[in-house]
């Protein structure tokens, strides 16, 4: 996606790379929405960052507040 900003970090314990990817979210652009149900790390327009659930058709939190979301892939999974 054009909105991605990849962050990589190698885990010293197992040598695997953890990957995170911030995606700019705009409710009016379907291509910026997550494609699967689950927990995502989100950044709100006030700058606060926390976990939020995407239920397949929207966020449990007010989607007008959310500006970015990310999938966190742990290094040792």
N, C-alpha and C. Protein backbone atom coordinates (compact mmCIF):
# COMPACT_ATOMS: atom_id res chain seq x y z
N UNK A 1 0.83 -1.18 0.00
CA UNK A 1 0.00 0.00 0.00
C UNK A 1 0.88 1.24 0.00
N UNK A 2 0.39 2.29 -0.57
CA UNK A 2 1.17 3.53 -0.62
C UNK A 2 1.26 4.21 0.74
N UNK A 3 0.43 3.81 1.71
CA UNK A 3 0.39 4.46 3.02
C UNK A 3 1.28 3.77 4.04
N UNK A 4 2.05 2.77 3.63
CA UNK A 4 2.81 1.99 4.58
C UNK A 4 4.12 2.64 4.98
N UNK A 5 4.47 2.46 6.23
CA UNK A 5 5.76 2.89 6.76
C UNK A 5 6.29 1.72 7.57
N UNK A 6 7.20 0.94 7.01
CA UNK A 6 7.67 -0.28 7.65
C UNK A 6 8.69 0.01 8.74
N UNK A 7 8.54 -0.70 9.84
CA UNK A 7 9.47 -0.63 10.95
C UNK A 7 9.94 -2.04 11.23
N UNK A 8 11.24 -2.28 11.21
CA UNK A 8 11.78 -3.61 11.45
C UNK A 8 12.67 -3.59 12.69
N UNK A 9 12.61 -4.69 13.45
CA UNK A 9 13.45 -4.83 14.63
C UNK A 9 13.79 -6.30 14.79
N UNK A 10 15.07 -6.61 14.89
CA UNK A 10 15.49 -8.00 15.05
C UNK A 10 15.52 -8.37 16.52
N UNK A 11 14.89 -9.50 16.87
CA UNK A 11 14.88 -10.00 18.23
C UNK A 11 16.21 -10.68 18.52
N UNK A 12 16.95 -10.22 19.54
CA UNK A 12 18.24 -10.83 19.84
C UNK A 12 18.12 -12.27 20.35
N UNK A 13 16.98 -12.64 20.92
CA UNK A 13 16.81 -13.98 21.47
C UNK A 13 16.69 -15.06 20.40
N UNK A 14 15.98 -14.76 19.31
CA UNK A 14 15.76 -15.79 18.30
C UNK A 14 16.27 -15.41 16.92
N UNK A 15 16.67 -14.14 16.73
CA UNK A 15 17.20 -13.72 15.44
C UNK A 15 16.15 -13.42 14.39
N UNK A 16 14.86 -13.55 14.74
CA UNK A 16 13.80 -13.26 13.79
C UNK A 16 13.48 -11.77 13.80
N UNK A 17 12.88 -11.29 12.73
CA UNK A 17 12.57 -9.86 12.61
C UNK A 17 11.09 -9.62 12.90
N UNK A 18 10.83 -8.67 13.79
CA UNK A 18 9.46 -8.24 14.05
C UNK A 18 9.14 -7.15 13.04
N UNK A 19 7.91 -7.13 12.56
CA UNK A 19 7.53 -6.15 11.56
C UNK A 19 6.26 -5.42 11.99
N UNK A 20 6.28 -4.14 11.81
CA UNK A 20 5.10 -3.33 12.05
C UNK A 20 4.91 -2.45 10.82
N UNK A 21 3.67 -2.10 10.55
CA UNK A 21 3.37 -1.32 9.36
C UNK A 21 2.23 -0.37 9.67
N UNK A 22 2.51 0.93 9.75
CA UNK A 22 1.45 1.92 9.96
C UNK A 22 0.74 2.17 8.64
N UNK A 23 -0.58 2.13 8.67
CA UNK A 23 -1.39 2.40 7.48
C UNK A 23 -2.27 3.61 7.80
N UNK A 24 -2.22 4.62 6.95
CA UNK A 24 -3.08 5.80 7.12
C UNK A 24 -4.52 5.35 6.92
N UNK A 25 -5.40 5.70 7.86
CA UNK A 25 -6.79 5.28 7.81
C UNK A 25 -7.70 6.44 7.45
N UNK A 26 -8.56 6.18 6.47
CA UNK A 26 -9.59 7.15 6.08
C UNK A 26 -10.86 6.34 5.85
N UNK A 27 -11.87 6.56 6.70
CA UNK A 27 -13.11 5.79 6.63
C UNK A 27 -13.72 5.80 5.23
N UNK A 28 -13.56 6.87 4.49
CA UNK A 28 -14.15 6.98 3.16
C UNK A 28 -13.39 6.20 2.09
N UNK A 29 -12.18 5.73 2.40
CA UNK A 29 -11.38 4.97 1.44
C UNK A 29 -11.30 3.52 1.90
N UNK A 30 -12.05 2.65 1.25
CA UNK A 30 -12.13 1.24 1.64
C UNK A 30 -10.77 0.57 1.63
N UNK A 31 -9.88 0.97 0.72
CA UNK A 31 -8.56 0.33 0.63
C UNK A 31 -7.69 0.60 1.85
N UNK A 32 -8.06 1.55 2.72
CA UNK A 32 -7.28 1.83 3.92
C UNK A 32 -7.81 1.09 5.15
N UNK A 33 -8.86 0.31 4.97
CA UNK A 33 -9.45 -0.44 6.09
C UNK A 33 -8.78 -1.81 6.23
N UNK A 34 -8.66 -2.31 7.48
CA UNK A 34 -8.15 -3.69 7.65
C UNK A 34 -9.07 -4.67 6.93
N UNK A 35 -8.52 -5.80 6.52
CA UNK A 35 -9.32 -6.78 5.77
C UNK A 35 -9.83 -7.92 6.64
N UNK A 36 -9.32 -8.04 7.88
CA UNK A 36 -9.71 -9.17 8.73
C UNK A 36 -10.07 -8.69 10.14
N UNK A 37 -10.98 -9.42 10.77
CA UNK A 37 -11.34 -9.16 12.16
C UNK A 37 -10.11 -9.34 13.04
N UNK A 38 -9.94 -8.49 14.04
CA UNK A 38 -8.84 -8.68 14.98
C UNK A 38 -8.47 -7.42 15.72
N UNK A 39 -7.43 -7.54 16.56
CA UNK A 39 -6.91 -6.42 17.33
C UNK A 39 -5.79 -5.77 16.54
N UNK A 40 -5.82 -4.44 16.50
CA UNK A 40 -4.82 -3.66 15.79
C UNK A 40 -4.33 -2.54 16.70
N UNK A 41 -3.08 -2.16 16.53
CA UNK A 41 -2.56 -1.00 17.22
C UNK A 41 -3.00 0.22 16.42
N UNK A 42 -3.64 1.17 17.09
CA UNK A 42 -4.14 2.34 16.36
C UNK A 42 -3.57 3.62 16.95
N UNK A 43 -3.52 4.65 16.13
CA UNK A 43 -3.12 5.99 16.56
C UNK A 43 -4.30 6.91 16.27
N UNK A 44 -4.79 7.57 17.33
CA UNK A 44 -5.91 8.48 17.18
C UNK A 44 -5.42 9.86 16.77
N UNK A 45 -6.35 10.73 16.36
CA UNK A 45 -5.95 12.07 15.93
C UNK A 45 -5.41 12.91 17.07
N UNK A 46 -5.69 12.54 18.34
CA UNK A 46 -5.12 13.26 19.47
C UNK A 46 -3.73 12.74 19.84
N UNK A 47 -3.21 11.77 19.07
CA UNK A 47 -1.88 11.24 19.28
C UNK A 47 -1.80 10.03 20.20
N UNK A 48 -2.88 9.65 20.84
CA UNK A 48 -2.87 8.50 21.73
C UNK A 48 -2.82 7.22 20.92
N UNK A 49 -2.07 6.25 21.43
CA UNK A 49 -1.89 4.96 20.75
C UNK A 49 -2.38 3.86 21.68
N UNK A 50 -3.21 2.96 21.16
CA UNK A 50 -3.71 1.83 21.95
C UNK A 50 -4.25 0.75 21.02
N UNK A 51 -4.57 -0.41 21.61
CA UNK A 51 -5.14 -1.51 20.85
C UNK A 51 -6.62 -1.25 20.61
N UNK A 52 -7.09 -1.63 19.43
CA UNK A 52 -8.50 -1.47 19.10
C UNK A 52 -8.96 -2.67 18.27
N UNK A 53 -10.21 -3.02 18.39
CA UNK A 53 -10.76 -4.15 17.64
C UNK A 53 -11.43 -3.67 16.37
N UNK A 54 -11.05 -4.30 15.25
CA UNK A 54 -11.74 -4.12 13.97
C UNK A 54 -12.70 -5.28 13.86
N UNK A 55 -14.00 -5.01 13.77
CA UNK A 55 -14.99 -6.09 13.79
C UNK A 55 -15.37 -6.61 12.40
N UNK A 56 -14.64 -6.20 11.41
CA UNK A 56 -14.92 -6.64 10.05
C UNK A 56 -15.62 -5.58 9.21
N UNK A 57 -16.28 -4.64 9.90
CA UNK A 57 -16.95 -3.57 9.16
C UNK A 57 -16.72 -2.20 9.80
N UNK A 58 -15.99 -2.16 10.89
CA UNK A 58 -15.70 -0.89 11.55
C UNK A 58 -14.93 -1.11 12.85
N UNK A 59 -14.47 -0.02 13.42
CA UNK A 59 -13.76 -0.07 14.69
C UNK A 59 -14.76 -0.07 15.84
N UNK A 60 -14.40 -0.71 16.95
CA UNK A 60 -15.23 -0.64 18.15
C UNK A 60 -15.24 0.79 18.68
N UNK A 61 -14.13 1.52 18.48
CA UNK A 61 -14.01 2.92 18.88
C UNK A 61 -14.52 3.79 17.73
N UNK A 62 -14.77 5.04 17.98
CA UNK A 62 -15.24 5.97 16.96
C UNK A 62 -14.23 6.06 15.81
N UNK A 63 -14.61 5.60 14.63
CA UNK A 63 -13.68 5.58 13.49
C UNK A 63 -13.26 6.98 13.02
N UNK A 64 -14.00 8.01 13.41
CA UNK A 64 -13.62 9.37 13.03
C UNK A 64 -12.37 9.85 13.77
N UNK A 65 -12.04 9.21 14.87
CA UNK A 65 -10.88 9.58 15.68
C UNK A 65 -9.60 8.88 15.22
N UNK A 66 -9.72 7.78 14.54
CA UNK A 66 -8.56 6.95 14.19
C UNK A 66 -7.91 7.45 12.92
N UNK A 67 -6.58 7.65 12.97
CA UNK A 67 -5.82 8.15 11.83
C UNK A 67 -4.90 7.10 11.21
N UNK A 68 -4.35 6.18 12.03
CA UNK A 68 -3.44 5.13 11.55
C UNK A 68 -3.72 3.84 12.29
N UNK A 69 -3.46 2.71 11.63
CA UNK A 69 -3.52 1.41 12.29
C UNK A 69 -2.32 0.59 11.86
N UNK A 70 -1.97 -0.39 12.68
CA UNK A 70 -0.81 -1.22 12.38
C UNK A 70 -1.06 -2.66 12.84
N UNK A 71 -0.47 -3.59 12.12
CA UNK A 71 -0.44 -5.00 12.50
C UNK A 71 0.93 -5.22 13.14
N UNK A 72 0.96 -5.82 14.30
CA UNK A 72 2.22 -6.10 14.97
C UNK A 72 2.53 -7.58 14.80
N UNK A 73 3.65 -7.90 14.19
CA UNK A 73 4.08 -9.27 13.99
C UNK A 73 5.23 -9.51 14.95
N UNK A 74 5.01 -10.34 15.99
CA UNK A 74 6.08 -10.58 16.95
C UNK A 74 7.23 -11.37 16.34
N UNK A 75 8.45 -11.16 16.82
CA UNK A 75 9.62 -11.80 16.23
C UNK A 75 9.71 -13.29 16.51
N UNK A 76 9.19 -13.73 17.60
CA UNK A 76 9.39 -15.13 18.02
C UNK A 76 8.10 -15.93 17.97
N UNK A 77 7.33 -15.76 16.91
CA UNK A 77 6.08 -16.51 16.80
C UNK A 77 6.22 -17.63 15.81
